[in-house]
Amino acid sequence: MPLQRLFDYLNTGVVIFGCGLLLEIGYITINALLQSAFTFMGVLMILFYVALVLYDFWDMMRYKG
């Protein structure tokens, strides 16, 4: 069972990292296409990523024990 949890956490970490990377690529692309800083999207991107990470930690703590 501990090995399964390790793989679960590893998989979740890779997915969260991938989501963050895709958000950053999208933000850079939109800024390049608009040729200006789209700060509203940047703020939303950061809020979404923080919420994603916090939810993952909450989910991990919920099943701890």
N, C-alpha and C. Protein backbone atom coordinates (compact mmCIF):
# COMPACT_ATOMS: atom_id res chain seq x y z
N MET A 1 0.80 -1.20 0.00
CA MET A 1 0.00 0.00 0.00
C MET A 1 0.85 1.28 0.00
N PRO A 2 1.95 1.37 0.77
CA PRO A 2 2.77 2.58 0.73
C PRO A 2 3.36 2.86 -0.66
N LEU A 3 3.70 1.82 -1.40
CA LEU A 3 4.24 2.01 -2.74
C LEU A 3 3.18 2.60 -3.66
N GLN A 4 1.94 2.17 -3.48
CA GLN A 4 0.85 2.71 -4.28
C GLN A 4 0.65 4.20 -3.98
N ARG A 5 0.75 4.58 -2.71
CA ARG A 5 0.63 5.99 -2.35
C ARG A 5 1.76 6.82 -2.94
N LEU A 6 2.97 6.25 -2.92
CA LEU A 6 4.11 6.96 -3.51
C LEU A 6 3.87 7.24 -4.99
N PHE A 7 3.38 6.24 -5.72
CA PHE A 7 3.09 6.44 -7.13
C PHE A 7 1.95 7.43 -7.33
N ASP A 8 0.98 7.40 -6.43
CA ASP A 8 -0.13 8.34 -6.51
C ASP A 8 0.36 9.78 -6.34
N TYR A 9 1.20 10.02 -5.33
CA TYR A 9 1.73 11.36 -5.10
C TYR A 9 2.64 11.79 -6.24
N LEU A 10 3.43 10.87 -6.76
CA LEU A 10 4.30 11.18 -7.88
C LEU A 10 3.49 11.55 -9.12
N ASN A 11 2.45 10.79 -9.38
CA ASN A 11 1.58 11.08 -10.52
C ASN A 11 0.90 12.44 -10.36
N THR A 12 0.41 12.73 -9.17
CA THR A 12 -0.24 14.01 -8.92
C THR A 12 0.74 15.16 -9.09
N GLY A 13 1.95 14.99 -8.62
CA GLY A 13 2.97 16.02 -8.78
C GLY A 13 3.29 16.29 -10.24
N VAL A 14 3.40 15.24 -11.04
CA VAL A 14 3.68 15.40 -12.46
C VAL A 14 2.52 16.11 -13.16
N VAL A 15 1.29 15.75 -12.80
CA VAL A 15 0.11 16.38 -13.41
C VAL A 15 0.04 17.86 -13.03
N ILE A 16 0.27 18.18 -11.77
CA ILE A 16 0.23 19.58 -11.34
C ILE A 16 1.34 20.38 -12.01
N PHE A 17 2.52 19.82 -12.11
CA PHE A 17 3.61 20.50 -12.80
C PHE A 17 3.24 20.72 -14.27
N GLY A 18 2.65 19.72 -14.90
CA GLY A 18 2.24 19.85 -16.30
C GLY A 18 1.18 20.92 -16.48
N CYS A 19 0.22 21.00 -15.56
CA CYS A 19 -0.81 22.04 -15.63
C CYS A 19 -0.17 23.43 -15.50
N GLY A 20 0.74 23.57 -14.58
CA GLY A 20 1.43 24.85 -14.42
C GLY A 20 2.22 25.23 -15.65
N LEU A 21 2.88 24.26 -16.25
CA LEU A 21 3.65 24.51 -17.46
C LEU A 21 2.74 24.92 -18.62
N LEU A 22 1.61 24.24 -18.76
CA LEU A 22 0.66 24.60 -19.82
C LEU A 22 0.05 25.99 -19.59
N LEU A 23 -0.24 26.32 -18.35
CA LEU A 23 -0.74 27.65 -18.04
C LEU A 23 0.30 28.72 -18.41
N GLU A 24 1.54 28.47 -18.09
CA GLU A 24 2.61 29.43 -18.41
C GLU A 24 2.81 29.57 -19.91
N ILE A 25 2.77 28.45 -20.63
CA ILE A 25 2.91 28.50 -22.09
C ILE A 25 1.75 29.30 -22.70
N GLY A 26 0.54 29.06 -22.21
CA GLY A 26 -0.61 29.81 -22.70
C GLY A 26 -0.49 31.29 -22.41
N TYR A 27 -0.04 31.64 -21.22
CA TYR A 27 0.12 33.04 -20.85
C TYR A 27 1.16 33.73 -21.72
N ILE A 28 2.28 33.08 -21.93
CA ILE A 28 3.34 33.66 -22.77
C ILE A 28 2.84 33.81 -24.21
N THR A 29 2.12 32.82 -24.70
CA THR A 29 1.61 32.88 -26.07
C THR A 29 0.61 34.02 -26.24
N ILE A 30 -0.32 34.16 -25.30
CA ILE A 30 -1.30 35.25 -25.39
C ILE A 30 -0.61 36.60 -25.32
N ASN A 31 0.37 36.74 -24.44
CA ASN A 31 1.11 38.01 -24.36
C ASN A 31 1.86 38.29 -25.64
N ALA A 32 2.41 37.26 -26.27
CA ALA A 32 3.14 37.46 -27.53
C ALA A 32 2.18 37.85 -28.65
N LEU A 33 1.00 37.24 -28.69
CA LEU A 33 0.03 37.57 -29.73
C LEU A 33 -0.55 38.96 -29.54
N LEU A 34 -0.80 39.35 -28.31
CA LEU A 34 -1.34 40.69 -28.05
C LEU A 34 -0.27 41.76 -28.06
N GLN A 35 0.97 41.37 -27.97
CA GLN A 35 2.14 42.25 -27.91
C GLN A 35 2.03 43.24 -26.74
N SER A 36 1.44 42.77 -25.66
CA SER A 36 1.38 43.54 -24.42
C SER A 36 1.14 42.56 -23.28
N ALA A 37 1.27 43.07 -22.06
CA ALA A 37 1.08 42.21 -20.88
C ALA A 37 -0.40 42.12 -20.54
N PHE A 38 -0.92 40.93 -20.53
CA PHE A 38 -2.32 40.68 -20.18
C PHE A 38 -2.32 40.27 -18.72
N THR A 39 -2.25 41.25 -17.82
CA THR A 39 -2.06 40.97 -16.40
C THR A 39 -3.26 40.28 -15.76
N PHE A 40 -4.47 40.56 -16.24
CA PHE A 40 -5.64 39.92 -15.68
C PHE A 40 -5.55 38.41 -15.83
N MET A 41 -5.10 37.95 -16.99
CA MET A 41 -4.94 36.52 -17.22
C MET A 41 -3.84 35.96 -16.32
N GLY A 42 -2.79 36.72 -16.12
CA GLY A 42 -1.71 36.29 -15.24
C GLY A 42 -2.18 36.09 -13.81
N VAL A 43 -3.00 37.00 -13.33
CA VAL A 43 -3.54 36.88 -11.97
C VAL A 43 -4.45 35.67 -11.87
N LEU A 44 -5.32 35.48 -12.85
CA LEU A 44 -6.20 34.31 -12.85
C LEU A 44 -5.41 33.01 -12.92
N MET A 45 -4.34 33.02 -13.71
CA MET A 45 -3.50 31.84 -13.83
C MET A 45 -2.87 31.48 -12.48
N ILE A 46 -2.35 32.47 -11.79
CA ILE A 46 -1.72 32.23 -10.50
C ILE A 46 -2.76 31.75 -9.48
N LEU A 47 -3.93 32.37 -9.46
CA LEU A 47 -4.98 31.94 -8.53
C LEU A 47 -5.41 30.50 -8.80
N PHE A 48 -5.55 30.14 -10.06
CA PHE A 48 -5.94 28.78 -10.41
C PHE A 48 -4.88 27.78 -9.97
N TYR A 49 -3.62 28.09 -10.21
CA TYR A 49 -2.55 27.17 -9.86
C TYR A 49 -2.42 27.01 -8.34
N VAL A 50 -2.56 28.11 -7.62
CA VAL A 50 -2.50 28.04 -6.16
C VAL A 50 -3.66 27.20 -5.63
N ALA A 51 -4.85 27.40 -6.19
CA ALA A 51 -6.00 26.61 -5.77
C ALA A 51 -5.79 25.13 -6.07
N LEU A 52 -5.19 24.83 -7.19
CA LEU A 52 -4.91 23.44 -7.56
C LEU A 52 -3.94 22.79 -6.57
N VAL A 53 -2.90 23.50 -6.22
CA VAL A 53 -1.90 22.97 -5.28
C VAL A 53 -2.51 22.83 -3.88
N LEU A 54 -3.25 23.84 -3.43
CA LEU A 54 -3.88 23.76 -2.11
C LEU A 54 -4.88 22.62 -2.03
N TYR A 55 -5.65 22.41 -3.09
CA TYR A 55 -6.59 21.30 -3.10
C TYR A 55 -5.85 19.97 -3.00
N ASP A 56 -4.72 19.86 -3.68
CA ASP A 56 -3.96 18.62 -3.62
C ASP A 56 -3.44 18.36 -2.20
N PHE A 57 -2.93 19.40 -1.54
CA PHE A 57 -2.47 19.22 -0.17
C PHE A 57 -3.62 18.87 0.77
N TRP A 58 -4.77 19.50 0.57
CA TRP A 58 -5.93 19.19 1.39
C TRP A 58 -6.35 17.72 1.18
N ASP A 59 -6.35 17.29 -0.08
CA ASP A 59 -6.72 15.91 -0.39
C ASP A 59 -5.72 14.94 0.22
N MET A 60 -4.45 15.28 0.20
CA MET A 60 -3.43 14.41 0.78
C MET A 60 -3.60 14.31 2.30
N MET A 61 -3.88 15.43 2.96
CA MET A 61 -4.05 15.42 4.41
C MET A 61 -5.34 14.71 4.82
N ARG A 62 -6.33 14.74 3.97
CA ARG A 62 -7.62 14.11 4.28
C ARG A 62 -7.46 12.60 4.41
N TYR A 63 -6.59 12.00 3.59
CA TYR A 63 -6.39 10.54 3.62
C TYR A 63 -5.19 10.14 4.46
N LYS A 64 -4.58 11.08 5.15
CA LYS A 64 -3.44 10.76 6.00
C LYS A 64 -3.92 10.00 7.24
N GLY A 65 -3.19 8.97 7.57
CA GLY A 65 -3.53 8.28 8.82
C GLY A 65 -3.82 6.84 8.71
